[in-house]
Amino acid sequence: MMLGSQQPDNLSRDELSQYLESDTVNISPLLFWKDSQHRFPALASLARDVLSIPATGAGVERLFNSARDICHYRRGRLNADTIQDLMMYLCTSRFDFEEAEYTFLKEFFSRDEVETANEEQND
């Protein structure tokens, strides 16, 4: 007796077997999965998820650099909520500091850190 939940699993296994047994094609992976999405729907869906991952970590690296600047060893007494608020502010403002904002943040950032952030924004 076959349960309904086993049918898609068997279908996926058959799809994988068909894919592995097929000949290799020398085209772009994106084009291949677009052309083959009707033959291999489950695998094409998985391929779209995997191939859509950005190849760079620049945004994440920038975020970690900001977190490093906020969580500097000399600022070890900052409350977790304060750190979270500062990170949210930095992420939403994209390091666009005006003089009035600098006066608010000067207790957390040095002038050099603000200037570095402005230079990164202009690059």
PDB file of N, CA and C in Angstrom:
ATOM      1  N   MET A   1       0.838  -1.177   0.000  1.00  0.00           N
ATOM      2  CA  MET A   1       0.000   0.000   0.000  1.00  0.00           C
ATOM      3  C   MET A   1       0.887   1.246   0.000  1.00  0.00           C
ATOM      4  N   MET A   2       0.604   2.216  -0.880  1.00  0.00           N
ATOM      5  CA  MET A   2       1.415   3.416  -1.001  1.00  0.00           C
ATOM      6  C   MET A   2       0.679   4.581  -0.368  1.00  0.00           C
ATOM      7  N   LEU A   3       1.349   5.279   0.520  1.00  0.00           N
ATOM      8  CA  LEU A   3       0.764   6.451   1.152  1.00  0.00           C
ATOM      9  C   LEU A   3       0.916   7.652   0.230  1.00  0.00           C
ATOM     10  N   GLY A   4       0.016   8.616   0.369  1.00  0.00           N
ATOM     11  CA  GLY A   4       0.059   9.800  -0.477  1.00  0.00           C
ATOM     12  C   GLY A   4       1.318  10.619  -0.282  1.00  0.00           C
ATOM     13  N   SER A   5       1.874  10.607   0.932  1.00  0.00           N
ATOM     14  CA  SER A   5       3.072  11.400   1.183  1.00  0.00           C
ATOM     15  C   SER A   5       4.314  10.782   0.548  1.00  0.00           C
ATOM     16  N   GLN A   6       4.264   9.525   0.165  1.00  0.00           N
ATOM     17  CA  GLN A   6       5.424   8.886  -0.440  1.00  0.00           C
ATOM     18  C   GLN A   6       5.501   9.152  -1.938  1.00  0.00           C
ATOM     19  N   GLN A   7       4.405   9.492  -2.543  1.00  0.00           N
ATOM     20  CA  GLN A   7       4.389   9.678  -3.987  1.00  0.00           C
ATOM     21  C   GLN A   7       5.311  10.813  -4.442  1.00  0.00           C
ATOM     22  N   PRO A   8       5.268  12.028  -3.845  1.00  0.00           N
ATOM     23  CA  PRO A   8       6.189  13.069  -4.295  1.00  0.00           C
ATOM     24  C   PRO A   8       7.645  12.694  -4.060  1.00  0.00           C
ATOM     25  N   ASP A   9       7.915  11.967  -2.973  1.00  0.00           N
ATOM     26  CA  ASP A   9       9.279  11.547  -2.697  1.00  0.00           C
ATOM     27  C   ASP A   9       9.773  10.600  -3.795  1.00  0.00           C
ATOM     28  N   ASN A  10       8.930   9.648  -4.188  1.00  0.00           N
ATOM     29  CA  ASN A  10       9.295   8.730  -5.271  1.00  0.00           C
ATOM     30  C   ASN A  10       9.449   9.481  -6.582  1.00  0.00           C
ATOM     31  N   LEU A  11       8.568  10.441  -6.813  1.00  0.00           N
ATOM     32  CA  LEU A  11       8.644  11.252  -8.025  1.00  0.00           C
ATOM     33  C   LEU A  11       9.959  12.032  -8.053  1.00  0.00           C
ATOM     34  N   SER A  12      10.351  12.590  -6.912  1.00  0.00           N
ATOM     35  CA  SER A  12      11.613  13.328  -6.839  1.00  0.00           C
ATOM     36  C   SER A  12      12.791  12.412  -7.091  1.00  0.00           C
ATOM     37  N   ARG A  13      12.739  11.197  -6.545  1.00  0.00           N
ATOM     38  CA  ARG A  13      13.819  10.244  -6.772  1.00  0.00           C
ATOM     39  C   ARG A  13      13.899   9.876  -8.252  1.00  0.00           C
ATOM     40  N   ASP A  14      12.753   9.669  -8.877  1.00  0.00           N
ATOM     41  CA  ASP A  14      12.747   9.369 -10.307  1.00  0.00           C
ATOM     42  C   ASP A  14      13.302  10.551 -11.099  1.00  0.00           C
ATOM     43  N   GLU A  15      12.932  11.754 -10.696  1.00  0.00           N
ATOM     44  CA  GLU A  15      13.415  12.958 -11.355  1.00  0.00           C
ATOM     45  C   GLU A  15      14.933  13.069 -11.211  1.00  0.00           C
ATOM     46  N   LEU A  16      15.439  12.783 -10.033  1.00  0.00           N
ATOM     47  CA  LEU A  16      16.879  12.820  -9.807  1.00  0.00           C
ATOM     48  C   LEU A  16      17.587  11.763 -10.646  1.00  0.00           C
ATOM     49  N   SER A  17      17.016  10.577 -10.691  1.00  0.00           N
ATOM     50  CA  SER A  17      17.615   9.509 -11.507  1.00  0.00           C
ATOM     51  C   SER A  17      17.651   9.904 -12.974  1.00  0.00           C
ATOM     52  N   GLN A  18      16.560  10.478 -13.468  1.00  0.00           N
ATOM     53  CA  GLN A  18      16.525  10.915 -14.867  1.00  0.00           C
ATOM     54  C   GLN A  18      17.576  11.995 -15.123  1.00  0.00           C
ATOM     55  N   TYR A  19      17.700  12.914 -14.189  1.00  0.00           N
ATOM     56  CA  TYR A  19      18.685  13.989 -14.347  1.00  0.00           C
ATOM     57  C   TYR A  19      20.101  13.427 -14.368  1.00  0.00           C
ATOM     58  N   LEU A  20      20.402  12.534 -13.433  1.00  0.00           N
ATOM     59  CA  LEU A  20      21.753  11.971 -13.356  1.00  0.00           C
ATOM     60  C   LEU A  20      22.093  11.108 -14.563  1.00  0.00           C
ATOM     61  N   GLU A  21      21.087  10.480 -15.160  1.00  0.00           N
ATOM     62  CA  GLU A  21      21.312   9.632 -16.326  1.00  0.00           C
ATOM     63  C   GLU A  21      21.349  10.419 -17.632  1.00  0.00           C
ATOM     64  N   SER A  22      20.937  11.673 -17.604  1.00  0.00           N
ATOM     65  CA  SER A  22      20.908  12.463 -18.840  1.00  0.00           C
ATOM     66  C   SER A  22      22.322  12.898 -19.227  1.00  0.00           C
ATOM     67  N   ASP A  23      22.470  13.244 -20.501  1.00  0.00           N
ATOM     68  CA  ASP A  23      23.762  13.693 -21.016  1.00  0.00           C
ATOM     69  C   ASP A  23      24.066  15.100 -20.507  1.00  0.00           C
ATOM     70  N   THR A  24      25.345  15.425 -20.424  1.00  0.00           N
ATOM     71  CA  THR A  24      25.734  16.773 -20.021  1.00  0.00           C
ATOM     72  C   THR A  24      25.565  17.725 -21.198  1.00  0.00           C
ATOM     73  N   VAL A  25      25.233  18.947 -20.874  1.00  0.00           N
ATOM     74  CA  VAL A  25      25.005  19.977 -21.882  1.00  0.00           C
ATOM     75  C   VAL A  25      25.892  21.162 -21.526  1.00  0.00           C
ATOM     76  N   ASN A  26      26.512  21.747 -22.520  1.00  0.00           N
ATOM     77  CA  ASN A  26      27.430  22.854 -22.286  1.00  0.00           C
ATOM     78  C   ASN A  26      26.705  24.193 -22.453  1.00  0.00           C
ATOM     79  N   ILE A  27      25.840  24.536 -21.494  1.00  0.00           N
ATOM     80  CA  ILE A  27      25.154  25.833 -21.491  1.00  0.00           C
ATOM     81  C   ILE A  27      25.177  26.388 -20.072  1.00  0.00           C
ATOM     82  N   SER A  28      24.754  27.604 -19.949  1.00  0.00           N
ATOM     83  CA  SER A  28      24.682  28.258 -18.644  1.00  0.00           C
ATOM     84  C   SER A  28      23.725  27.492 -17.729  1.00  0.00           C
ATOM     85  N   PRO A  29      24.071  27.322 -16.459  1.00  0.00           N
ATOM     86  CA  PRO A  29      23.166  26.616 -15.542  1.00  0.00           C
ATOM     87  C   PRO A  29      21.790  27.269 -15.447  1.00  0.00           C
ATOM     88  N   LEU A  30      21.747  28.587 -15.493  1.00  0.00           N
ATOM     89  CA  LEU A  30      20.448  29.271 -15.430  1.00  0.00           C
ATOM     90  C   LEU A  30      19.584  28.930 -16.643  1.00  0.00           C
ATOM     91  N   LEU A  31      20.197  28.930 -17.817  1.00  0.00           N
ATOM     92  CA  LEU A  31      19.449  28.571 -19.027  1.00  0.00           C
ATOM     93  C   LEU A  31      19.013  27.113 -19.004  1.00  0.00           C
ATOM     94  N   PHE A  32      19.911  26.242 -18.524  1.00  0.00           N
ATOM     95  CA  PHE A  32      19.569  24.823 -18.462  1.00  0.00           C
ATOM     96  C   PHE A  32      18.340  24.601 -17.596  1.00  0.00           C
ATOM     97  N   TRP A  33      18.330  25.183 -16.398  1.00  0.00           N
ATOM     98  CA  TRP A  33      17.205  24.936 -15.492  1.00  0.00           C
ATOM     99  C   TRP A  33      15.935  25.628 -15.968  1.00  0.00           C
ATOM    100  N   LYS A  34      16.068  26.736 -16.683  1.00  0.00           N
ATOM    101  CA  LYS A  34      14.876  27.368 -17.254  1.00  0.00           C
ATOM    102  C   LYS A  34      14.280  26.480 -18.342  1.00  0.00           C
ATOM    103  N   ASP A  35      15.142  25.925 -19.191  1.00  0.00           N
ATOM    104  CA  ASP A  35      14.673  25.041 -20.261  1.00  0.00           C
ATOM    105  C   ASP A  35      14.181  23.698 -19.730  1.00  0.00           C
ATOM    106  N   SER A  36      14.743  23.240 -18.628  1.00  0.00           N
ATOM    107  CA  SER A  36      14.430  21.902 -18.113  1.00  0.00           C
ATOM    108  C   SER A  36      13.445  21.902 -16.952  1.00  0.00           C
ATOM    109  N   GLN A  37      12.841  23.036 -16.657  1.00  0.00           N
ATOM    110  CA  GLN A  37      11.954  23.094 -15.493  1.00  0.00           C
ATOM    111  C   GLN A  37      10.709  22.221 -15.641  1.00  0.00           C
ATOM    112  N   HIS A  38      10.310  21.906 -16.861  1.00  0.00           N
ATOM    113  CA  HIS A  38       9.146  21.028 -17.048  1.00  0.00           C
ATOM    114  C   HIS A  38       9.534  19.561 -16.906  1.00  0.00           C
ATOM    115  N   ARG A  39      10.772  19.227 -17.279  1.00  0.00           N
ATOM    116  CA  ARG A  39      11.241  17.841 -17.126  1.00  0.00           C
ATOM    117  C   ARG A  39      11.603  17.528 -15.678  1.00  0.00           C
ATOM    118  N   PHE A  40      12.196  18.512 -14.987  1.00  0.00           N
ATOM    119  CA  PHE A  40      12.666  18.320 -13.614  1.00  0.00           C
ATOM    120  C   PHE A  40      12.129  19.439 -12.711  1.00  0.00           C
ATOM    121  N   PRO A  41      10.842  19.465 -12.408  1.00  0.00           N
ATOM    122  CA  PRO A  41      10.285  20.595 -11.646  1.00  0.00           C
ATOM    123  C   PRO A  41      10.864  20.747 -10.238  1.00  0.00           C
ATOM    124  N   ALA A  42      11.035  19.654  -9.514  1.00  0.00           N
ATOM    125  CA  ALA A  42      11.558  19.749  -8.144  1.00  0.00           C
ATOM    126  C   ALA A  42      13.021  20.180  -8.156  1.00  0.00           C
ATOM    127  N   LEU A  43      13.809  19.601  -9.039  1.00  0.00           N
ATOM    128  CA  LEU A  43      15.222  19.967  -9.129  1.00  0.00           C
ATOM    129  C   LEU A  43      15.397  21.400  -9.630  1.00  0.00           C
ATOM    130  N   ALA A  44      14.548  21.826 -10.551  1.00  0.00           N
ATOM    131  CA  ALA A  44      14.630  23.195 -11.055  1.00  0.00           C
ATOM    132  C   ALA A  44      14.317  24.192  -9.945  1.00  0.00           C
ATOM    133  N   SER A  45      13.353  23.858  -9.110  1.00  0.00           N
ATOM    134  CA  SER A  45      13.023  24.723  -7.974  1.00  0.00           C
ATOM    135  C   SER A  45      14.201  24.819  -7.009  1.00  0.00           C
ATOM    136  N   LEU A  46      14.812  23.685  -6.723  1.00  0.00           N
ATOM    137  CA  LEU A  46      15.991  23.671  -5.855  1.00  0.00           C
ATOM    138  C   LEU A  46      17.138  24.454  -6.490  1.00  0.00           C
ATOM    139  N   ALA A  47      17.345  24.287  -7.772  1.00  0.00           N
ATOM    140  CA  ALA A  47      18.421  24.998  -8.474  1.00  0.00           C
ATOM    141  C   ALA A  47      18.196  26.504  -8.430  1.00  0.00           C
ATOM    142  N   ARG A  48      16.952  26.953  -8.579  1.00  0.00           N
ATOM    143  CA  ARG A  48      16.654  28.387  -8.489  1.00  0.00           C
ATOM    144  C   ARG A  48      17.023  28.925  -7.113  1.00  0.00           C
ATOM    145  N   ASP A  49      16.729  28.152  -6.069  1.00  0.00           N
ATOM    146  CA  ASP A  49      17.077  28.587  -4.717  1.00  0.00           C
ATOM    147  C   ASP A  49      18.584  28.689  -4.539  1.00  0.00           C
ATOM    148  N   VAL A  50      19.305  27.709  -5.026  1.00  0.00           N
ATOM    149  CA  VAL A  50      20.760  27.686  -4.849  1.00  0.00           C
ATOM    150  C   VAL A  50      21.435  28.723  -5.736  1.00  0.00           C
ATOM    151  N   LEU A  51      21.008  28.839  -6.977  1.00  0.00           N
ATOM    152  CA  LEU A  51      21.653  29.756  -7.913  1.00  0.00           C
ATOM    153  C   LEU A  51      21.318  31.218  -7.639  1.00  0.00           C
ATOM    154  N   SER A  52      20.319  31.478  -6.818  1.00  0.00           N
ATOM    155  CA  SER A  52      19.949  32.861  -6.526  1.00  0.00           C
ATOM    156  C   SER A  52      20.732  33.439  -5.359  1.00  0.00           C
ATOM    157  N   ILE A  53      21.589  32.656  -4.729  1.00  0.00           N
ATOM    158  CA  ILE A  53      22.393  33.141  -3.610  1.00  0.00           C
ATOM    159  C   ILE A  53      23.443  34.104  -4.156  1.00  0.00           C
ATOM    160  N   PRO A  54      23.556  35.313  -3.583  1.00  0.00           N
ATOM    161  CA  PRO A  54      24.550  36.261  -4.086  1.00  0.00           C
ATOM    162  C   PRO A  54      25.968  35.720  -3.929  1.00  0.00           C
ATOM    163  N   ALA A  55      26.794  36.030  -4.888  1.00  0.00           N
ATOM    164  CA  ALA A  55      28.162  35.520  -4.882  1.00  0.00           C
ATOM    165  C   ALA A  55      29.092  36.373  -4.036  1.00  0.00           C
ATOM    166  N   THR A  56      28.613  37.461  -3.491  1.00  0.00           N
ATOM    167  CA  THR A  56      29.457  38.341  -2.698  1.00  0.00           C
ATOM    168  C   THR A  56      28.919  38.470  -1.288  1.00  0.00           C
ATOM    169  N   GLY A  57      29.794  38.732  -0.385  1.00  0.00           N
ATOM    170  CA  GLY A  57      29.401  38.940   1.001  1.00  0.00           C
ATOM    171  C   GLY A  57      29.673  40.362   1.436  1.00  0.00           C
ATOM    172  N   ALA A  58      29.743  41.295   0.481  1.00  0.00           N
ATOM    173  CA  ALA A  58      30.106  42.674   0.805  1.00  0.00           C
ATOM    174  C   ALA A  58      29.122  43.309   1.776  1.00  0.00           C
ATOM    175  N   GLY A  59      27.837  43.082   1.582  1.00  0.00           N
ATOM    176  CA  GLY A  59      26.847  43.659   2.488  1.00  0.00           C
ATOM    177  C   GLY A  59      26.980  43.126   3.894  1.00  0.00           C
ATOM    178  N   VAL A  60      27.195  41.844   4.006  1.00  0.00           N
ATOM    179  CA  VAL A  60      27.362  41.224   5.320  1.00  0.00           C
ATOM    180  C   VAL A  60      28.660  41.694   5.959  1.00  0.00           C
ATOM    181  N   GLU A  61      29.717  41.792   5.156  1.00  0.00           N
ATOM    182  CA  GLU A  61      31.001  42.251   5.688  1.00  0.00           C
ATOM    183  C   GLU A  61      30.881  43.675   6.213  1.00  0.00           C
ATOM    184  N   ARG A  62      30.178  44.518   5.497  1.00  0.00           N
ATOM    185  CA  ARG A  62      29.970  45.895   5.929  1.00  0.00           C
ATOM    186  C   ARG A  62      29.197  45.929   7.241  1.00  0.00           C
ATOM    187  N   LEU A  63      28.204  45.053   7.369  1.00  0.00           N
ATOM    188  CA  LEU A  63      27.420  44.984   8.598  1.00  0.00           C
ATOM    189  C   LEU A  63      28.284  44.544   9.776  1.00  0.00           C
ATOM    190  N   PHE A  64      29.143  43.536   9.568  1.00  0.00           N
ATOM    191  CA  PHE A  64      30.020  43.084  10.645  1.00  0.00           C
ATOM    192  C   PHE A  64      31.039  44.156  11.019  1.00  0.00           C
ATOM    193  N   ASN A  65      31.518  44.915  10.039  1.00  0.00           N
ATOM    194  CA  ASN A  65      32.433  46.011  10.354  1.00  0.00           C
ATOM    195  C   ASN A  65      31.739  47.057  11.212  1.00  0.00           C
ATOM    196  N   SER A  66      30.483  47.341  10.912  1.00  0.00           N
ATOM    197  CA  SER A  66      29.720  48.288  11.720  1.00  0.00           C
ATOM    198  C   SER A  66      29.535  47.761  13.132  1.00  0.00           C
ATOM    199  N   ALA A  67      29.219  46.484  13.240  1.00  0.00           N
ATOM    200  CA  ALA A  67      29.046  45.877  14.561  1.00  0.00           C
ATOM    201  C   ALA A  67      30.361  45.909  15.333  1.00  0.00           C
ATOM    202  N   ARG A  68      31.470  45.673  14.645  1.00  0.00           N
ATOM    203  CA  ARG A  68      32.781  45.731  15.300  1.00  0.00           C
ATOM    204  C   ARG A  68      33.046  47.128  15.838  1.00  0.00           C
ATOM    205  N   ASP A  69      32.682  48.160  15.056  1.00  0.00           N
ATOM    206  CA  ASP A  69      32.906  49.527  15.503  1.00  0.00           C
ATOM    207  C   ASP A  69      32.050  49.864  16.721  1.00  0.00           C
ATOM    208  N   ILE A  70      30.832  49.367  16.742  1.00  0.00           N
ATOM    209  CA  ILE A  70      29.949  49.640  17.882  1.00  0.00           C
ATOM    210  C   ILE A  70      30.391  48.859  19.113  1.00  0.00           C
ATOM    211  N   CYS A  71      30.749  47.618  18.936  1.00  0.00           N
ATOM    212  CA  CYS A  71      31.101  46.734  20.058  1.00  0.00           C
ATOM    213  C   CYS A  71      32.596  46.759  20.331  1.00  0.00           C
ATOM    214  N   HIS A  72      33.205  47.905  20.197  1.00  0.00           N
ATOM    215  CA  HIS A  72      34.634  48.057  20.454  1.00  0.00           C
ATOM    216  C   HIS A  72      34.914  47.728  21.915  1.00  0.00           C
ATOM    217  N   TYR A  73      36.118  47.248  22.191  1.00  0.00           N
ATOM    218  CA  TYR A  73      36.434  46.817  23.558  1.00  0.00           C
ATOM    219  C   TYR A  73      36.306  47.957  24.568  1.00  0.00           C
ATOM    220  N   ARG A  74      36.461  49.206  24.121  1.00  0.00           N
ATOM    221  CA  ARG A  74      36.323  50.333  25.049  1.00  0.00           C
ATOM    222  C   ARG A  74      34.857  50.655  25.319  1.00  0.00           C
ATOM    223  N   ARG A  75      33.970  50.043  24.545  1.00  0.00           N
ATOM    224  CA  ARG A  75      32.536  50.277  24.736  1.00  0.00           C
ATOM    225  C   ARG A  75      31.864  49.033  25.305  1.00  0.00           C
ATOM    226  N   GLY A  76      32.564  48.290  26.089  1.00  0.00           N
ATOM    227  CA  GLY A  76      32.059  47.024  26.607  1.00  0.00           C
ATOM    228  C   GLY A  76      30.888  47.153  27.553  1.00  0.00           C
ATOM    229  N   ARG A  77      30.573  48.353  27.960  1.00  0.00           N
ATOM    230  CA  ARG A  77      29.484  48.528  28.914  1.00  0.00           C
ATOM    231  C   ARG A  77      28.174  48.923  28.248  1.00  0.00           C
ATOM    232  N   LEU A  78      28.118  48.887  26.931  1.00  0.00           N
ATOM    233  CA  LEU A  78      26.870  49.216  26.244  1.00  0.00           C
ATOM    234  C   LEU A  78      25.842  48.120  26.482  1.00  0.00           C
ATOM    235  N   ASN A  79      24.633  48.533  26.704  1.00  0.00           N
ATOM    236  CA  ASN A  79      23.516  47.613  26.883  1.00  0.00           C
ATOM    237  C   ASN A  79      23.198  46.948  25.538  1.00  0.00           C
ATOM    238  N   ALA A  80      22.726  45.721  25.567  1.00  0.00           N
ATOM    239  CA  ALA A  80      22.389  45.004  24.328  1.00  0.00           C
ATOM    240  C   ALA A  80      21.329  45.754  23.529  1.00  0.00           C
ATOM    241  N   ASP A  81      20.362  46.365  24.209  1.00  0.00           N
ATOM    242  CA  ASP A  81      19.325  47.135  23.504  1.00  0.00           C
ATOM    243  C   ASP A  81      19.924  48.356  22.816  1.00  0.00           C
ATOM    244  N   THR A  82      20.892  48.983  23.453  1.00  0.00           N
ATOM    245  CA  THR A  82      21.555  50.142  22.851  1.00  0.00           C
ATOM    246  C   THR A  82      22.316  49.727  21.597  1.00  0.00           C
ATOM    247  N   ILE A  83      23.010  48.603  21.674  1.00  0.00           N
ATOM    248  CA  ILE A  83      23.741  48.095  20.504  1.00  0.00           C
ATOM    249  C   ILE A  83      22.772  47.791  19.369  1.00  0.00           C
ATOM    250  N   GLN A  84      21.656  47.155  19.696  1.00  0.00           N
ATOM    251  CA  GLN A  84      20.662  46.831  18.669  1.00  0.00           C
ATOM    252  C   GLN A  84      20.095  48.101  18.047  1.00  0.00           C
ATOM    253  N   ASP A  85      19.793  49.099  18.873  1.00  0.00           N
ATOM    254  CA  ASP A  85      19.265  50.360  18.347  1.00  0.00           C
ATOM    255  C   ASP A  85      20.282  51.054  17.443  1.00  0.00           C
ATOM    256  N   LEU A  86      21.538  51.049  17.856  1.00  0.00           N
ATOM    257  CA  LEU A  86      22.577  51.661  17.023  1.00  0.00           C
ATOM    258  C   LEU A  86      22.740  50.939  15.692  1.00  0.00           C
ATOM    259  N   MET A  87      22.711  49.618  15.724  1.00  0.00           N
ATOM    260  CA  MET A  87      22.833  48.847  14.480  1.00  0.00           C
ATOM    261  C   MET A  87      21.656  49.125  13.551  1.00  0.00           C
ATOM    262  N   MET A  88      20.461  49.167  14.097  1.00  0.00           N
ATOM    263  CA  MET A  88      19.288  49.463  13.264  1.00  0.00           C
ATOM    264  C   MET A  88      19.392  50.869  12.676  1.00  0.00           C
ATOM    265  N   TYR A  89      19.841  51.804  13.484  1.00  0.00           N
ATOM    266  CA  TYR A  89      19.995  53.166  12.994  1.00  0.00           C
ATOM    267  C   TYR A  89      21.023  53.219  11.863  1.00  0.00           C
ATOM    268  N   LEU A  90      22.160  52.550  12.062  1.00  0.00           N
ATOM    269  CA  LEU A  90      23.199  52.559  11.031  1.00  0.00           C
ATOM    270  C   LEU A  90      22.729  51.893   9.745  1.00  0.00           C
ATOM    271  N   CYS A  91      21.998  50.801   9.875  1.00  0.00           N
ATOM    272  CA  CYS A  91      21.527  50.095   8.679  1.00  0.00           C
ATOM    273  C   CYS A  91      20.492  50.901   7.918  1.00  0.00           C
ATOM    274  N   THR A  92      19.665  51.640   8.623  1.00  0.00           N
ATOM    275  CA  THR A  92      18.628  52.407   7.930  1.00  0.00           C
ATOM    276  C   THR A  92      19.149  53.730   7.405  1.00  0.00           C
ATOM    277  N   SER A  93      20.126  54.309   8.063  1.00  0.00           N
ATOM    278  CA  SER A  93      20.630  55.607   7.609  1.00  0.00           C
ATOM    279  C   SER A  93      21.747  55.468   6.585  1.00  0.00           C
ATOM    280  N   ARG A  94      22.281  54.255   6.427  1.00  0.00           N
ATOM    281  CA  ARG A  94      23.354  53.994   5.460  1.00  0.00           C
ATOM    282  C   ARG A  94      24.549  54.921   5.666  1.00  0.00           C
ATOM    283  N   PHE A  95      24.880  55.176   6.922  1.00  0.00           N
ATOM    284  CA  PHE A  95      26.044  55.975   7.300  1.00  0.00           C
ATOM    285  C   PHE A  95      25.962  57.408   6.792  1.00  0.00           C
ATOM    286  N   ASP A  96      24.783  57.928   6.620  1.00  0.00           N
ATOM    287  CA  ASP A  96      24.615  59.296   6.157  1.00  0.00           C
ATOM    288  C   ASP A  96      24.475  60.200   7.378  1.00  0.00           C
ATOM    289  N   PHE A  97      25.600  60.666   7.912  1.00  0.00           N
ATOM    290  CA  PHE A  97      25.594  61.457   9.132  1.00  0.00           C
ATOM    291  C   PHE A  97      25.605  62.944   8.817  1.00  0.00           C
ATOM    292  N   GLU A  98      24.722  63.653   9.434  1.00  0.00           N
ATOM    293  CA  GLU A  98      24.735  65.104   9.413  1.00  0.00           C
ATOM    294  C   GLU A  98      25.366  65.555  10.728  1.00  0.00           C
ATOM    295  N   GLU A  99      25.693  66.826  10.823  1.00  0.00           N
ATOM    296  CA  GLU A  99      26.344  67.324  12.036  1.00  0.00           C
ATOM    297  C   GLU A  99      25.459  67.134  13.265  1.00  0.00           C
ATOM    298  N   ALA A 100      24.158  67.340  13.131  1.00  0.00           N
ATOM    299  CA  ALA A 100      23.250  67.151  14.269  1.00  0.00           C
ATOM    300  C   ALA A 100      23.230  65.694  14.716  1.00  0.00           C
ATOM    301  N   GLU A 101      23.272  64.783  13.753  1.00  0.00           N
ATOM    302  CA  GLU A 101      23.296  63.364  14.100  1.00  0.00           C
ATOM    303  C   GLU A 101      24.625  62.991  14.743  1.00  0.00           C
ATOM    304  N   TYR A 102      25.698  63.633  14.287  1.00  0.00           N
ATOM    305  CA  TYR A 102      26.999  63.331  14.869  1.00  0.00           C
ATOM    306  C   TYR A 102      27.023  63.707  16.343  1.00  0.00           C
ATOM    307  N   THR A 103      26.426  64.840  16.701  1.00  0.00           N
ATOM    308  CA  THR A 103      26.424  65.238  18.110  1.00  0.00           C
ATOM    309  C   THR A 103      25.679  64.219  18.961  1.00  0.00           C
ATOM    310  N   PHE A 104      24.629  63.619  18.392  1.00  0.00           N
ATOM    311  CA  PHE A 104      23.900  62.574  19.116  1.00  0.00           C
ATOM    312  C   PHE A 104      24.755  61.320  19.289  1.00  0.00           C
ATOM    313  N   LEU A 105      25.520  60.966  18.255  1.00  0.00           N
ATOM    314  CA  LEU A 105      26.281  59.718  18.271  1.00  0.00           C
ATOM    315  C   LEU A 105      27.714  59.857  18.779  1.00  0.00           C
ATOM    316  N   LYS A 106      28.162  61.080  19.076  1.00  0.00           N
ATOM    317  CA  LYS A 106      29.573  61.245  19.412  1.00  0.00           C
ATOM    318  C   LYS A 106      29.973  60.520  20.693  1.00  0.00           C
ATOM    319  N   GLU A 107      29.011  60.201  21.540  1.00  0.00           N
ATOM    320  CA  GLU A 107      29.374  59.435  22.729  1.00  0.00           C
ATOM    321  C   GLU A 107      29.659  57.970  22.393  1.00  0.00           C
ATOM    322  N   PHE A 108      29.234  57.507  21.208  1.00  0.00           N
ATOM    323  CA  PHE A 108      29.451  56.120  20.807  1.00  0.00           C
ATOM    324  C   PHE A 108      30.528  55.978  19.737  1.00  0.00           C
ATOM    325  N   PHE A 109      30.694  57.002  18.890  1.00  0.00           N
ATOM    326  CA  PHE A 109      31.637  56.932  17.775  1.00  0.00           C
ATOM    327  C   PHE A 109      32.645  58.062  17.867  1.00  0.00           C
ATOM    328  N   SER A 110      33.852  57.785  17.427  1.00  0.00           N
ATOM    329  CA  SER A 110      34.845  58.848  17.318  1.00  0.00           C
ATOM    330  C   SER A 110      34.631  59.575  15.992  1.00  0.00           C
ATOM    331  N   ARG A 111      35.228  60.733  15.860  1.00  0.00           N
ATOM    332  CA  ARG A 111      35.115  61.508  14.620  1.00  0.00           C
ATOM    333  C   ARG A 111      35.690  60.700  13.452  1.00  0.00           C
ATOM    334  N   ASP A 112      36.791  59.981  13.683  1.00  0.00           N
ATOM    335  CA  ASP A 112      37.404  59.166  12.626  1.00  0.00           C
ATOM    336  C   ASP A 112      36.458  58.073  12.138  1.00  0.00           C
ATOM    337  N   GLU A 113      35.728  57.448  13.060  1.00  0.00           N
ATOM    338  CA  GLU A 113      34.799  56.384  12.663  1.00  0.00           C
ATOM    339  C   GLU A 113      33.666  56.935  11.806  1.00  0.00           C
ATOM    340  N   VAL A 114      33.183  58.122  12.146  1.00  0.00           N
ATOM    341  CA  VAL A 114      32.119  58.738  11.351  1.00  0.00           C
ATOM    342  C   VAL A 114      32.648  59.118   9.977  1.00  0.00           C
ATOM    343  N   GLU A 115      33.863  59.679   9.918  1.00  0.00           N
ATOM    344  CA  GLU A 115      34.444  60.049   8.625  1.00  0.00           C
ATOM    345  C   GLU A 115      34.702  58.816   7.759  1.00  0.00           C
ATOM    346  N   THR A 116      35.157  57.738   8.376  1.00  0.00           N
ATOM    347  CA  THR A 116      35.368  56.490   7.634  1.00  0.00           C
ATOM    348  C   THR A 116      34.054  55.976   7.069  1.00  0.00           C
ATOM    349  N   ALA A 117      32.998  56.043   7.859  1.00  0.00           N
ATOM    350  CA  ALA A 117      31.686  55.595   7.389  1.00  0.00           C
ATOM    351  C   ALA A 117      31.210  56.451   6.223  1.00  0.00           C
ATOM    352  N   ASN A 118      31.435  57.764   6.297  1.00  0.00           N
ATOM    353  CA  ASN A 118      31.047  58.645   5.192  1.00  0.00           C
ATOM    354  C   ASN A 118      31.854  58.346   3.937  1.00  0.00           C
ATOM    355  N   GLU A 119      33.138  58.047   4.089  1.00  0.00           N
ATOM    356  CA  GLU A 119      33.962  57.689   2.935  1.00  0.00           C
ATOM    357  C   GLU A 119      33.484  56.392   2.299  1.00  0.00           C
ATOM    358  N   GLU A 120      33.102  55.411   3.122  1.00  0.00           N
ATOM    359  CA  GLU A 120      32.597  54.145   2.588  1.00  0.00           C
ATOM    360  C   GLU A 120      31.308  54.357   1.811  1.00  0.00           C
ATOM    361  N   GLN A 121      30.480  55.287   2.284  1.00  0.00           N
ATOM    362  CA  GLN A 121      29.225  55.548   1.591  1.00  0.00           C
ATOM    363  C   GLN A 121      29.480  56.188   0.228  1.00  0.00           C
ATOM    364  N   ASN A 122      30.483  57.042   0.145  1.00  0.00           N
ATOM    365  CA  ASN A 122      30.770  57.748  -1.108  1.00  0.00           C
ATOM    366  C   ASN A 122      31.490  56.880  -2.127  1.00  0.00           C
ATOM    367  N   ASP A 123      32.060  55.761  -1.713  1.00  0.00           N
ATOM    368  CA  ASP A 123      32.770  54.869  -2.651  1.00  0.00           C
ATOM    369  C   ASP A 123      31.843  54.117  -3.541  1.00  0.00           C
TER     370      ASP A 123
END
